[in-house]
N, C-alpha and C. Protein backbone atom coordinates (compact mmCIF):
# COMPACT_ATOMS: atom_id res chain seq x y z
N MET A 1 8.81 -20.30 -20.87
CA MET A 1 9.29 -19.09 -21.54
C MET A 1 9.22 -17.91 -20.58
N SER A 2 10.22 -17.09 -20.59
CA SER A 2 10.24 -15.93 -19.71
C SER A 2 9.12 -14.97 -20.09
N GLY A 3 8.36 -14.52 -19.10
CA GLY A 3 7.28 -13.58 -19.34
C GLY A 3 5.95 -14.23 -19.64
N GLU A 4 5.92 -15.56 -19.79
CA GLU A 4 4.66 -16.24 -20.10
C GLU A 4 3.82 -16.36 -18.83
N TYR A 5 2.52 -16.10 -18.96
CA TYR A 5 1.62 -16.24 -17.82
C TYR A 5 1.08 -17.66 -17.77
N ILE A 6 1.17 -18.28 -16.58
CA ILE A 6 0.64 -19.62 -16.38
C ILE A 6 -0.20 -19.61 -15.12
N PRO A 7 -1.19 -20.53 -14.99
CA PRO A 7 -1.95 -20.61 -13.74
C PRO A 7 -1.03 -20.91 -12.58
N VAL A 8 -1.26 -20.25 -11.44
CA VAL A 8 -0.36 -20.43 -10.31
C VAL A 8 -0.35 -21.87 -9.82
N ASN A 9 -1.47 -22.58 -9.98
CA ASN A 9 -1.47 -23.96 -9.49
C ASN A 9 -0.71 -24.91 -10.42
N GLU A 10 -0.20 -24.38 -11.54
CA GLU A 10 0.66 -25.17 -12.42
C GLU A 10 2.13 -24.81 -12.23
N CYS A 11 2.38 -23.81 -11.41
CA CYS A 11 3.77 -23.43 -11.16
C CYS A 11 4.42 -24.52 -10.33
N PRO A 12 5.51 -25.12 -10.79
CA PRO A 12 6.09 -26.28 -10.10
C PRO A 12 6.58 -25.99 -8.70
N THR A 13 6.84 -24.72 -8.40
CA THR A 13 7.36 -24.40 -7.06
C THR A 13 6.35 -23.67 -6.21
N ALA A 14 5.09 -23.57 -6.69
CA ALA A 14 4.10 -22.80 -5.94
C ALA A 14 3.71 -23.50 -4.66
N GLY A 15 3.32 -24.79 -4.75
CA GLY A 15 3.03 -25.56 -3.56
C GLY A 15 1.65 -25.35 -2.99
N VAL A 16 0.81 -24.50 -3.58
CA VAL A 16 -0.55 -24.29 -3.10
C VAL A 16 -1.49 -24.39 -4.28
N ALA A 17 -2.14 -25.53 -4.42
CA ALA A 17 -2.99 -25.76 -5.58
C ALA A 17 -4.28 -24.97 -5.52
N SER A 18 -4.67 -24.51 -4.33
CA SER A 18 -5.96 -23.83 -4.18
C SER A 18 -5.90 -22.36 -4.53
N ALA A 19 -4.71 -21.81 -4.75
CA ALA A 19 -4.61 -20.39 -5.05
C ALA A 19 -5.12 -20.11 -6.45
N ASN A 20 -5.73 -18.93 -6.63
CA ASN A 20 -6.27 -18.54 -7.92
C ASN A 20 -5.35 -17.57 -8.62
N GLY A 21 -5.53 -17.42 -9.94
CA GLY A 21 -4.82 -16.39 -10.66
C GLY A 21 -3.76 -16.92 -11.59
N TYR A 22 -2.99 -16.03 -12.13
CA TYR A 22 -1.92 -16.37 -13.05
C TYR A 22 -0.63 -15.74 -12.55
N ILE A 23 0.46 -16.41 -12.85
CA ILE A 23 1.76 -15.93 -12.43
C ILE A 23 2.67 -15.83 -13.65
N ARG A 24 3.52 -14.84 -13.66
CA ARG A 24 4.45 -14.67 -14.76
C ARG A 24 5.68 -15.52 -14.52
N ARG A 25 5.98 -16.40 -15.49
CA ARG A 25 7.06 -17.35 -15.31
C ARG A 25 8.37 -16.68 -15.71
N ASN A 26 8.94 -15.88 -14.83
CA ASN A 26 10.22 -15.24 -15.11
C ASN A 26 11.11 -15.17 -13.88
N ALA A 27 10.86 -16.03 -12.93
CA ALA A 27 11.71 -16.10 -11.74
C ALA A 27 11.66 -17.52 -11.20
N ALA A 28 12.65 -17.86 -10.39
CA ALA A 28 12.77 -19.24 -9.93
C ALA A 28 12.16 -19.46 -8.57
N ASN A 29 12.09 -18.43 -7.76
CA ASN A 29 11.70 -18.63 -6.36
C ASN A 29 10.30 -18.10 -6.10
N TYR A 30 9.33 -18.97 -5.88
CA TYR A 30 7.97 -18.59 -5.58
C TYR A 30 7.54 -19.29 -4.30
N SER A 31 6.76 -18.63 -3.51
CA SER A 31 6.18 -19.29 -2.34
C SER A 31 4.86 -18.62 -2.02
N PHE A 32 4.00 -19.32 -1.30
CA PHE A 32 2.70 -18.79 -0.94
C PHE A 32 2.55 -18.81 0.58
N THR A 33 1.75 -17.90 1.07
CA THR A 33 1.46 -17.85 2.48
C THR A 33 0.01 -17.41 2.66
N PRO A 34 -0.71 -17.91 3.65
CA PRO A 34 -2.11 -17.49 3.84
C PRO A 34 -2.20 -16.01 4.11
N TYR A 35 -3.29 -15.41 3.67
CA TYR A 35 -3.54 -13.99 3.89
C TYR A 35 -4.91 -13.84 4.51
N GLN A 36 -5.07 -12.98 5.48
CA GLN A 36 -6.35 -12.76 6.13
C GLN A 36 -7.21 -11.81 5.33
N PRO A 37 -8.54 -12.05 5.18
CA PRO A 37 -9.32 -13.18 5.65
C PRO A 37 -8.83 -14.50 5.06
N SER A 38 -9.26 -15.60 5.69
CA SER A 38 -8.69 -16.90 5.38
C SER A 38 -9.02 -17.38 3.98
N ASN A 39 -10.02 -16.78 3.30
CA ASN A 39 -10.36 -17.22 1.96
C ASN A 39 -9.50 -16.55 0.90
N LYS A 40 -8.48 -15.80 1.32
CA LYS A 40 -7.60 -15.14 0.38
C LYS A 40 -6.20 -15.73 0.49
N HIS A 41 -5.51 -15.76 -0.63
CA HIS A 41 -4.12 -16.17 -0.64
C HIS A 41 -3.29 -15.08 -1.26
N VAL A 42 -2.03 -15.10 -0.94
CA VAL A 42 -1.15 -14.06 -1.45
C VAL A 42 0.11 -14.70 -1.99
N LEU A 43 0.54 -14.21 -3.13
CA LEU A 43 1.78 -14.66 -3.73
C LEU A 43 2.94 -13.82 -3.21
N ILE A 44 3.97 -14.48 -2.75
CA ILE A 44 5.20 -13.78 -2.42
C ILE A 44 6.27 -14.31 -3.37
N ASN A 45 6.68 -13.50 -4.29
CA ASN A 45 7.65 -13.88 -5.30
C ASN A 45 8.88 -13.02 -5.04
N THR A 46 9.95 -13.65 -4.59
CA THR A 46 11.09 -12.89 -4.10
C THR A 46 11.85 -12.17 -5.19
N ARG A 47 11.58 -12.48 -6.46
CA ARG A 47 12.32 -11.82 -7.52
C ARG A 47 11.44 -10.98 -8.44
N SER A 48 10.23 -11.41 -8.67
CA SER A 48 9.33 -10.65 -9.54
C SER A 48 7.91 -10.88 -9.07
N PRO A 49 7.36 -10.00 -8.22
CA PRO A 49 6.10 -10.28 -7.53
C PRO A 49 4.86 -10.02 -8.35
N GLU A 50 4.95 -9.91 -9.67
CA GLU A 50 3.78 -9.58 -10.46
C GLU A 50 2.82 -10.77 -10.52
N ILE A 51 1.56 -10.53 -10.32
CA ILE A 51 0.53 -11.56 -10.42
C ILE A 51 -0.68 -10.96 -11.11
N LEU A 52 -1.32 -11.75 -11.96
CA LEU A 52 -2.50 -11.30 -12.67
C LEU A 52 -3.70 -12.04 -12.10
N PRO A 53 -4.52 -11.42 -11.26
CA PRO A 53 -5.61 -12.12 -10.60
C PRO A 53 -6.69 -12.56 -11.58
N GLN A 54 -7.29 -13.73 -11.28
CA GLN A 54 -8.45 -14.20 -12.01
C GLN A 54 -9.72 -13.66 -11.39
N THR A 55 -9.73 -13.58 -10.06
CA THR A 55 -10.93 -13.17 -9.34
C THR A 55 -10.56 -12.16 -8.28
N SER A 56 -11.59 -11.47 -7.76
CA SER A 56 -11.34 -10.47 -6.72
C SER A 56 -10.97 -11.10 -5.40
N SER A 57 -11.04 -12.46 -5.29
CA SER A 57 -10.68 -13.11 -4.03
C SER A 57 -9.18 -13.21 -3.84
N VAL A 58 -8.41 -12.82 -4.85
CA VAL A 58 -6.96 -12.86 -4.75
C VAL A 58 -6.44 -11.49 -4.35
N VAL A 59 -5.67 -11.44 -3.30
CA VAL A 59 -5.03 -10.20 -2.87
C VAL A 59 -3.54 -10.35 -3.11
N THR A 60 -2.94 -9.37 -3.74
CA THR A 60 -1.53 -9.42 -4.06
C THR A 60 -0.73 -8.66 -3.02
N MET A 61 0.27 -9.33 -2.45
CA MET A 61 1.22 -8.64 -1.58
C MET A 61 2.56 -8.63 -2.30
N HIS A 62 3.02 -7.45 -2.66
CA HIS A 62 4.26 -7.34 -3.39
C HIS A 62 5.42 -7.30 -2.41
N GLY A 63 6.10 -8.42 -2.29
CA GLY A 63 7.20 -8.51 -1.35
C GLY A 63 6.71 -8.72 0.07
N THR A 64 7.63 -8.84 0.99
CA THR A 64 7.31 -9.08 2.39
C THR A 64 7.67 -7.85 3.20
N PRO A 65 6.70 -7.14 3.79
CA PRO A 65 7.02 -5.94 4.55
C PRO A 65 7.73 -6.26 5.86
N LEU A 66 8.61 -5.36 6.26
CA LEU A 66 9.19 -5.50 7.59
C LEU A 66 8.11 -5.28 8.64
N PRO A 67 8.25 -5.88 9.83
CA PRO A 67 7.24 -5.69 10.87
C PRO A 67 7.24 -4.25 11.39
N ALA A 68 6.17 -3.89 12.08
CA ALA A 68 6.08 -2.54 12.64
C ALA A 68 7.22 -2.27 13.61
N LYS A 69 7.54 -3.26 14.44
CA LYS A 69 8.66 -3.13 15.38
C LYS A 69 9.92 -3.64 14.69
N LEU A 70 10.84 -2.74 14.43
CA LEU A 70 12.07 -3.10 13.74
C LEU A 70 13.09 -3.66 14.71
N ALA A 71 13.88 -4.61 14.24
CA ALA A 71 14.96 -5.17 15.05
C ALA A 71 16.07 -4.13 15.19
N GLY A 72 16.87 -4.29 16.24
CA GLY A 72 18.00 -3.39 16.44
C GLY A 72 17.73 -2.35 17.50
N PRO A 73 18.62 -1.39 17.62
CA PRO A 73 18.47 -0.35 18.64
C PRO A 73 17.20 0.46 18.41
N PRO A 74 16.61 1.00 19.48
CA PRO A 74 15.40 1.82 19.32
C PRO A 74 15.66 3.04 18.45
N LEU A 75 14.65 3.42 17.69
CA LEU A 75 14.76 4.62 16.86
C LEU A 75 14.64 5.86 17.74
N ASN A 76 15.35 6.92 17.37
CA ASN A 76 15.13 8.18 18.08
C ASN A 76 13.78 8.75 17.66
N ASP A 77 13.33 9.79 18.35
CA ASP A 77 11.98 10.30 18.11
C ASP A 77 11.77 10.71 16.65
N ARG A 78 12.72 11.43 16.11
CA ARG A 78 12.55 11.92 14.73
C ARG A 78 12.44 10.76 13.74
N ASP A 79 13.29 9.76 13.89
CA ASP A 79 13.24 8.60 12.98
C ASP A 79 11.98 7.77 13.21
N ALA A 80 11.54 7.66 14.46
CA ALA A 80 10.34 6.88 14.76
C ALA A 80 9.09 7.54 14.16
N ILE A 81 9.07 8.86 14.16
CA ILE A 81 7.93 9.58 13.57
C ILE A 81 7.94 9.40 12.05
N ALA A 82 9.11 9.52 11.45
CA ALA A 82 9.22 9.29 10.01
C ALA A 82 8.81 7.87 9.66
N ASP A 83 9.19 6.91 10.49
CA ASP A 83 8.84 5.51 10.22
C ASP A 83 7.34 5.29 10.27
N ALA A 84 6.63 6.02 11.13
CA ALA A 84 5.17 5.92 11.16
C ALA A 84 4.58 6.36 9.82
N CYS A 85 5.15 7.42 9.23
CA CYS A 85 4.70 7.87 7.90
C CYS A 85 4.97 6.81 6.86
N TYR A 86 6.17 6.26 6.88
CA TYR A 86 6.53 5.23 5.90
C TYR A 86 5.63 4.00 6.04
N ARG A 87 5.35 3.59 7.30
CA ARG A 87 4.49 2.42 7.51
C ARG A 87 3.09 2.64 6.96
N ALA A 88 2.57 3.84 7.15
CA ALA A 88 1.20 4.13 6.70
C ALA A 88 1.06 3.91 5.20
N PHE A 89 2.04 4.38 4.43
CA PHE A 89 1.95 4.25 2.98
C PHE A 89 2.42 2.87 2.51
N ALA A 90 3.41 2.29 3.18
CA ALA A 90 3.83 0.93 2.83
C ALA A 90 2.70 -0.07 3.05
N SER A 91 1.84 0.21 4.01
CA SER A 91 0.72 -0.71 4.28
C SER A 91 -0.19 -0.84 3.06
N ILE A 92 -0.32 0.24 2.29
CA ILE A 92 -1.14 0.19 1.09
C ILE A 92 -0.46 -0.65 0.02
N ASP A 93 0.81 -0.38 -0.21
CA ASP A 93 1.53 -1.09 -1.26
C ASP A 93 1.65 -2.59 -0.97
N HIS A 94 1.77 -2.94 0.32
CA HIS A 94 1.92 -4.33 0.72
C HIS A 94 0.58 -5.00 1.08
N SER A 95 -0.51 -4.25 1.06
CA SER A 95 -1.82 -4.77 1.49
C SER A 95 -1.73 -5.36 2.89
N ASP A 96 -1.15 -4.59 3.81
CA ASP A 96 -0.92 -5.07 5.17
C ASP A 96 -1.68 -4.17 6.15
N LYS A 97 -2.85 -4.62 6.56
CA LYS A 97 -3.71 -3.83 7.43
C LYS A 97 -3.06 -3.56 8.78
N GLU A 98 -2.37 -4.56 9.33
CA GLU A 98 -1.76 -4.38 10.65
C GLU A 98 -0.67 -3.31 10.61
N LEU A 99 0.01 -3.19 9.49
CA LEU A 99 1.02 -2.16 9.35
C LEU A 99 0.37 -0.78 9.40
N LEU A 100 -0.80 -0.65 8.76
CA LEU A 100 -1.53 0.63 8.84
C LEU A 100 -1.91 0.94 10.27
N LEU A 101 -2.53 -0.01 10.95
CA LEU A 101 -3.03 0.24 12.30
C LEU A 101 -1.90 0.51 13.29
N SER A 102 -0.70 0.05 12.98
CA SER A 102 0.44 0.33 13.85
C SER A 102 0.95 1.76 13.68
N SER A 103 0.52 2.41 12.60
CA SER A 103 1.07 3.73 12.27
C SER A 103 0.15 4.90 12.61
N VAL A 104 -1.11 4.62 12.93
CA VAL A 104 -2.06 5.71 13.16
C VAL A 104 -2.70 5.59 14.54
N ALA A 105 -3.07 6.73 15.10
CA ALA A 105 -3.80 6.76 16.36
C ALA A 105 -5.24 6.31 16.12
N PRO A 106 -5.88 5.69 17.10
CA PRO A 106 -7.27 5.25 16.91
C PRO A 106 -8.21 6.37 16.51
N ASP A 107 -7.94 7.61 16.96
CA ASP A 107 -8.82 8.74 16.67
C ASP A 107 -8.24 9.66 15.59
N ILE A 108 -7.46 9.11 14.69
CA ILE A 108 -6.82 9.92 13.65
C ILE A 108 -7.87 10.63 12.79
N TYR A 109 -7.54 11.85 12.38
CA TYR A 109 -8.35 12.61 11.42
C TYR A 109 -7.55 12.73 10.14
N THR A 110 -8.17 12.39 9.01
CA THR A 110 -7.49 12.50 7.73
C THR A 110 -8.35 13.26 6.73
N ASP A 111 -7.67 14.02 5.89
CA ASP A 111 -8.31 14.71 4.76
C ASP A 111 -7.36 14.51 3.58
N ILE A 112 -7.59 13.43 2.84
CA ILE A 112 -6.69 13.03 1.77
C ILE A 112 -7.45 12.99 0.45
N ALA A 113 -7.01 13.77 -0.49
CA ALA A 113 -7.64 13.83 -1.82
C ALA A 113 -9.14 14.11 -1.72
N GLY A 114 -9.49 14.97 -0.75
CA GLY A 114 -10.89 15.36 -0.60
C GLY A 114 -11.75 14.38 0.18
N LYS A 115 -11.19 13.28 0.65
CA LYS A 115 -11.94 12.31 1.46
C LYS A 115 -11.58 12.50 2.92
N VAL A 116 -12.58 12.84 3.73
CA VAL A 116 -12.38 13.09 5.16
C VAL A 116 -12.78 11.86 5.95
N CYS A 117 -11.92 11.46 6.88
CA CYS A 117 -12.20 10.31 7.74
C CYS A 117 -11.93 10.70 9.19
N ASN A 118 -12.78 10.21 10.07
CA ASN A 118 -12.61 10.42 11.50
C ASN A 118 -12.41 9.07 12.17
N GLY A 119 -11.19 8.78 12.56
CA GLY A 119 -10.88 7.53 13.24
C GLY A 119 -10.26 6.50 12.32
N ALA A 120 -9.48 5.59 12.93
CA ALA A 120 -8.77 4.57 12.17
C ALA A 120 -9.71 3.62 11.46
N ASP A 121 -10.84 3.28 12.10
CA ASP A 121 -11.78 2.35 11.48
C ASP A 121 -12.37 2.93 10.20
N GLU A 122 -12.72 4.21 10.23
CA GLU A 122 -13.29 4.83 9.04
C GLU A 122 -12.23 4.98 7.95
N LEU A 123 -11.01 5.31 8.34
CA LEU A 123 -9.92 5.39 7.37
C LEU A 123 -9.71 4.04 6.69
N LEU A 124 -9.79 2.98 7.47
CA LEU A 124 -9.57 1.63 6.93
C LEU A 124 -10.65 1.25 5.92
N THR A 125 -11.89 1.49 6.25
CA THR A 125 -12.98 1.03 5.38
C THR A 125 -13.31 2.00 4.26
N LYS A 126 -13.10 3.29 4.49
CA LYS A 126 -13.52 4.30 3.51
C LYS A 126 -12.44 4.59 2.48
N VAL A 127 -11.18 4.44 2.87
CA VAL A 127 -10.09 4.79 1.96
C VAL A 127 -9.16 3.60 1.73
N TRP A 128 -8.58 3.07 2.80
CA TRP A 128 -7.51 2.08 2.67
C TRP A 128 -7.96 0.85 1.88
N GLU A 129 -9.10 0.25 2.25
CA GLU A 129 -9.55 -0.96 1.56
C GLU A 129 -9.88 -0.70 0.10
N ASN A 130 -10.41 0.48 -0.19
CA ASN A 130 -10.77 0.80 -1.58
C ASN A 130 -9.55 0.94 -2.47
N VAL A 131 -8.43 1.29 -1.89
CA VAL A 131 -7.20 1.44 -2.68
C VAL A 131 -6.37 0.17 -2.62
N SER A 132 -6.06 -0.30 -1.42
CA SER A 132 -5.13 -1.42 -1.28
C SER A 132 -5.68 -2.71 -1.86
N ASN A 133 -6.98 -2.96 -1.72
CA ASN A 133 -7.56 -4.22 -2.19
C ASN A 133 -7.97 -4.18 -3.66
N ARG A 134 -7.99 -2.99 -4.28
CA ARG A 134 -8.51 -2.88 -5.64
C ARG A 134 -7.48 -2.41 -6.66
N LEU A 135 -6.31 -1.97 -6.18
CA LEU A 135 -5.31 -1.42 -7.09
C LEU A 135 -3.92 -1.92 -6.71
N ASP A 136 -3.03 -1.94 -7.69
CA ASP A 136 -1.60 -2.08 -7.42
C ASP A 136 -1.04 -0.67 -7.26
N THR A 137 -0.27 -0.45 -6.21
CA THR A 137 0.21 0.91 -5.93
C THR A 137 1.68 0.90 -5.54
N ILE A 138 2.32 2.03 -5.80
CA ILE A 138 3.66 2.33 -5.28
C ILE A 138 3.62 3.77 -4.79
N HIS A 139 4.05 4.00 -3.55
CA HIS A 139 4.09 5.34 -2.98
C HIS A 139 5.54 5.72 -2.69
N TYR A 140 5.92 6.93 -3.09
CA TYR A 140 7.26 7.45 -2.84
C TYR A 140 7.14 8.67 -1.92
N LEU A 141 7.78 8.61 -0.76
CA LEU A 141 7.79 9.72 0.18
C LEU A 141 9.18 10.34 0.22
N THR A 142 9.24 11.68 0.16
CA THR A 142 10.53 12.35 0.17
C THR A 142 10.39 13.74 0.77
N ASN A 143 11.51 14.44 0.88
CA ASN A 143 11.54 15.79 1.47
C ASN A 143 10.87 15.83 2.85
N MET A 144 11.08 14.78 3.63
CA MET A 144 10.42 14.70 4.94
C MET A 144 11.17 15.54 5.96
N ARG A 145 10.40 16.35 6.70
CA ARG A 145 10.93 17.16 7.79
C ARG A 145 10.05 16.95 9.02
N VAL A 146 10.70 16.75 10.16
CA VAL A 146 9.99 16.42 11.40
C VAL A 146 10.33 17.43 12.48
N SER A 147 9.30 18.01 13.09
CA SER A 147 9.48 18.91 14.22
C SER A 147 8.93 18.23 15.47
N VAL A 148 9.83 17.85 16.39
CA VAL A 148 9.41 17.24 17.65
C VAL A 148 9.13 18.39 18.62
N ASP A 149 7.85 18.75 18.76
CA ASP A 149 7.48 19.96 19.50
C ASP A 149 7.50 19.75 21.01
N THR A 150 7.04 18.58 21.46
CA THR A 150 7.08 18.24 22.88
C THR A 150 7.48 16.77 23.00
N ALA A 151 7.50 16.27 24.22
CA ALA A 151 7.88 14.87 24.42
C ALA A 151 6.86 13.91 23.80
N THR A 152 5.64 14.41 23.52
CA THR A 152 4.60 13.50 23.02
C THR A 152 3.88 14.01 21.78
N THR A 153 4.30 15.14 21.22
CA THR A 153 3.63 15.67 20.03
C THR A 153 4.67 16.12 19.01
N ALA A 154 4.30 16.03 17.75
CA ALA A 154 5.22 16.41 16.68
C ALA A 154 4.43 16.78 15.43
N ARG A 155 5.12 17.47 14.50
CA ARG A 155 4.55 17.82 13.20
C ARG A 155 5.48 17.30 12.11
N VAL A 156 4.88 16.92 10.98
CA VAL A 156 5.64 16.35 9.88
C VAL A 156 5.15 16.94 8.57
N THR A 157 6.07 17.25 7.67
CA THR A 157 5.71 17.58 6.30
C THR A 157 6.54 16.71 5.36
N PHE A 158 5.96 16.34 4.23
CA PHE A 158 6.69 15.59 3.21
C PHE A 158 5.93 15.68 1.90
N THR A 159 6.62 15.35 0.82
CA THR A 159 5.96 15.25 -0.47
C THR A 159 5.81 13.78 -0.83
N ALA A 160 4.78 13.46 -1.61
CA ALA A 160 4.51 12.07 -1.96
C ALA A 160 4.06 11.96 -3.41
N MET A 161 4.59 10.97 -4.08
CA MET A 161 4.09 10.61 -5.40
C MET A 161 3.48 9.22 -5.30
N ALA A 162 2.26 9.08 -5.79
CA ALA A 162 1.53 7.83 -5.71
C ALA A 162 1.19 7.34 -7.11
N VAL A 163 1.63 6.13 -7.41
CA VAL A 163 1.32 5.50 -8.69
C VAL A 163 0.25 4.44 -8.45
N HIS A 164 -0.90 4.60 -9.10
CA HIS A 164 -2.02 3.67 -8.97
C HIS A 164 -2.22 2.95 -10.29
N CYS A 165 -2.40 1.64 -10.21
CA CYS A 165 -2.54 0.84 -11.43
C CYS A 165 -3.63 -0.20 -11.24
N ARG A 166 -4.39 -0.46 -12.31
CA ARG A 166 -5.38 -1.53 -12.26
C ARG A 166 -4.67 -2.86 -11.97
N LEU A 167 -5.32 -3.70 -11.18
CA LEU A 167 -4.70 -4.94 -10.74
C LEU A 167 -4.18 -5.75 -11.93
N GLY A 168 -2.91 -6.13 -11.84
CA GLY A 168 -2.32 -6.98 -12.85
C GLY A 168 -2.03 -6.34 -14.18
N LYS A 169 -2.23 -5.02 -14.31
CA LYS A 169 -2.07 -4.35 -15.59
C LYS A 169 -0.78 -3.52 -15.67
N GLY A 170 0.14 -3.76 -14.76
CA GLY A 170 1.31 -2.92 -14.66
C GLY A 170 2.19 -2.88 -15.89
N TYR A 171 2.25 -3.98 -16.62
CA TYR A 171 3.12 -4.03 -17.79
C TYR A 171 2.35 -3.88 -19.10
N GLU A 172 1.05 -3.61 -19.02
CA GLU A 172 0.25 -3.48 -20.23
C GLU A 172 0.15 -2.01 -20.63
N PRO A 173 0.28 -1.71 -21.93
CA PRO A 173 0.07 -0.34 -22.38
C PRO A 173 -1.40 0.03 -22.30
N GLY A 174 -1.67 1.32 -22.28
CA GLY A 174 -3.06 1.77 -22.24
C GLY A 174 -3.38 2.53 -20.98
N PRO A 175 -4.63 2.91 -20.83
CA PRO A 175 -5.04 3.79 -19.71
C PRO A 175 -5.26 3.03 -18.41
N HIS A 176 -4.19 2.46 -17.87
CA HIS A 176 -4.32 1.63 -16.67
C HIS A 176 -3.71 2.27 -15.43
N LYS A 177 -3.16 3.48 -15.55
CA LYS A 177 -2.47 4.08 -14.41
C LYS A 177 -2.96 5.50 -14.15
N PHE A 178 -2.86 5.89 -12.89
CA PHE A 178 -3.12 7.27 -12.49
C PHE A 178 -2.10 7.62 -11.41
N THR A 179 -1.32 8.67 -11.68
CA THR A 179 -0.24 9.08 -10.79
C THR A 179 -0.53 10.47 -10.24
N THR A 180 -0.27 10.66 -8.96
CA THR A 180 -0.52 11.96 -8.33
C THR A 180 0.70 12.42 -7.54
N GLY A 181 0.79 13.74 -7.40
CA GLY A 181 1.81 14.33 -6.55
C GLY A 181 1.15 15.22 -5.51
N ALA A 182 1.57 15.08 -4.25
CA ALA A 182 0.91 15.81 -3.16
C ALA A 182 1.91 16.24 -2.10
N ILE A 183 1.52 17.29 -1.37
CA ILE A 183 2.25 17.73 -0.18
C ILE A 183 1.41 17.37 1.04
N TYR A 184 2.04 16.76 2.03
CA TYR A 184 1.33 16.32 3.23
C TYR A 184 1.78 17.12 4.45
N ASN A 185 0.79 17.48 5.26
CA ASN A 185 1.02 18.04 6.59
C ASN A 185 0.39 17.10 7.60
N CYS A 186 1.16 16.68 8.58
CA CYS A 186 0.68 15.68 9.54
C CYS A 186 1.03 16.09 10.97
N ASP A 187 0.23 15.62 11.91
CA ASP A 187 0.53 15.70 13.33
C ASP A 187 0.76 14.28 13.83
N ALA A 188 1.67 14.13 14.78
CA ALA A 188 1.95 12.83 15.38
C ALA A 188 1.89 12.93 16.90
N VAL A 189 1.53 11.82 17.53
CA VAL A 189 1.48 11.74 18.99
C VAL A 189 2.19 10.48 19.44
N LYS A 190 2.72 10.54 20.67
CA LYS A 190 3.38 9.37 21.24
C LYS A 190 2.41 8.67 22.17
N LEU A 191 2.07 7.43 21.83
CA LEU A 191 1.12 6.62 22.60
C LEU A 191 1.82 5.35 23.06
N ASP A 192 1.93 5.17 24.36
CA ASP A 192 2.57 3.96 24.91
C ASP A 192 3.94 3.73 24.28
N ASP A 193 4.74 4.79 24.21
CA ASP A 193 6.11 4.75 23.69
C ASP A 193 6.19 4.56 22.18
N ASP A 194 5.06 4.58 21.47
CA ASP A 194 5.06 4.46 20.02
C ASP A 194 4.54 5.75 19.40
N TRP A 195 5.25 6.27 18.42
CA TRP A 195 4.78 7.43 17.68
C TRP A 195 3.78 7.00 16.61
N ARG A 196 2.64 7.72 16.57
CA ARG A 196 1.61 7.42 15.58
C ARG A 196 1.07 8.72 14.99
N LEU A 197 0.52 8.61 13.81
CA LEU A 197 -0.05 9.77 13.15
C LEU A 197 -1.41 10.11 13.72
N LYS A 198 -1.60 11.36 14.08
CA LYS A 198 -2.84 11.84 14.68
C LYS A 198 -3.70 12.59 13.65
N MET A 199 -3.04 13.22 12.68
CA MET A 199 -3.73 13.97 11.64
C MET A 199 -2.93 13.89 10.35
N MET A 200 -3.62 13.73 9.23
CA MET A 200 -2.98 13.73 7.92
C MET A 200 -3.83 14.56 6.97
N LYS A 201 -3.20 15.52 6.31
CA LYS A 201 -3.92 16.34 5.34
C LYS A 201 -3.06 16.49 4.11
N SER A 202 -3.65 16.20 2.95
CA SER A 202 -2.90 16.29 1.70
C SER A 202 -3.35 17.49 0.89
N SER A 203 -2.40 18.08 0.18
CA SER A 203 -2.70 19.11 -0.82
C SER A 203 -2.18 18.57 -2.15
N HIS A 204 -3.09 18.04 -2.95
CA HIS A 204 -2.68 17.44 -4.21
C HIS A 204 -2.37 18.53 -5.23
N VAL A 205 -1.20 18.43 -5.83
CA VAL A 205 -0.69 19.45 -6.72
C VAL A 205 -0.92 19.08 -8.19
N TRP A 206 -0.77 17.82 -8.53
CA TRP A 206 -0.93 17.40 -9.92
C TRP A 206 -1.39 15.95 -10.00
N GLY A 207 -1.92 15.60 -11.17
CA GLY A 207 -2.31 14.23 -11.48
C GLY A 207 -2.06 13.96 -12.94
N ASP A 208 -1.75 12.70 -13.26
CA ASP A 208 -1.47 12.33 -14.64
C ASP A 208 -2.00 10.93 -14.90
N GLY A 209 -2.70 10.75 -16.01
CA GLY A 209 -3.25 9.45 -16.35
C GLY A 209 -4.76 9.46 -16.30
N ASP A 210 -5.33 8.28 -16.07
CA ASP A 210 -6.78 8.10 -16.09
C ASP A 210 -7.34 8.09 -14.67
N PRO A 211 -8.05 9.15 -14.24
CA PRO A 211 -8.59 9.17 -12.87
C PRO A 211 -9.59 8.05 -12.60
N ALA A 212 -10.20 7.48 -13.66
CA ALA A 212 -11.16 6.39 -13.46
C ALA A 212 -10.50 5.17 -12.83
N VAL A 213 -9.18 5.09 -12.90
CA VAL A 213 -8.47 3.98 -12.26
C VAL A 213 -8.80 3.93 -10.77
N MET A 214 -8.94 5.09 -10.14
CA MET A 214 -9.17 5.14 -8.69
C MET A 214 -10.50 4.53 -8.30
N ALA A 215 -11.45 4.51 -9.22
CA ALA A 215 -12.77 3.93 -8.94
C ALA A 215 -12.83 2.45 -9.33
N GLY A 216 -11.73 1.93 -9.82
CA GLY A 216 -11.72 0.54 -10.23
C GLY A 216 -12.48 0.30 -11.52
N GLU A 217 -12.70 1.36 -12.29
CA GLU A 217 -13.47 1.22 -13.51
C GLU A 217 -12.60 0.74 -14.65
N ALA A 218 -13.18 -0.09 -15.53
CA ALA A 218 -12.47 -0.56 -16.71
C ALA A 218 -12.40 0.56 -17.73
N PRO A 219 -11.34 0.64 -18.52
CA PRO A 219 -11.26 1.66 -19.54
C PRO A 219 -12.34 1.50 -20.59
N VAL A 220 -12.81 2.61 -21.11
CA VAL A 220 -13.87 2.59 -22.12
C VAL A 220 -13.24 2.31 -23.48
N LYS A 221 -13.78 1.31 -24.20
CA LYS A 221 -13.28 0.99 -25.52
C LYS A 221 -13.95 1.87 -26.56
N GLU A 222 -13.16 2.39 -27.47
CA GLU A 222 -13.69 3.24 -28.52
C GLU A 222 -14.04 2.42 -29.75
N GLY A 223 -15.06 2.90 -30.50
CA GLY A 223 -15.42 2.24 -31.75
C GLY A 223 -16.41 1.10 -31.56
């Protein structure tokens, strides 16, 4: 039946009996691929990537992200800088750590939603893992403007809307989502012919929904 949840190891086209969780039976094409660390698996569902995890050992990758290095002619500086911004946020939605590390300088400074990080390693462990591994997210970037100030430095501004949802609860009614709107100011640098983000600072303008979602907390039942 369309929309029925079944264990992924019972899905006739899954092909990986060791994977955990439930899958929504509403598409024909399912495949699995290993995800790092090696004790995690990821569902790639080319038509409807929704998965309801049974345990925290399941990491969901919604769709297959393009690699950091895109095929085709080289991007000009302005487009390459914008792509670094897109990769940084796409890495969260796709749970792709390498995509994040390809978009930021090793010594990046970030001040996002009041959380300050110094360096890519701290950004990864203090912010990225807490969001990407614990929530389903969609980030929308728009109104992007890029100033290429020198051959190796640039500034970027854009607006972003971020939708955060408890894992597997995207289609369920109730207090499972928290959405924010923010304005970003960023600096970028060119390192070994690649543009990367050197500084990111957000000014959050609004929020809607249950902020407890960000902490991975379950909603409180009344009565």
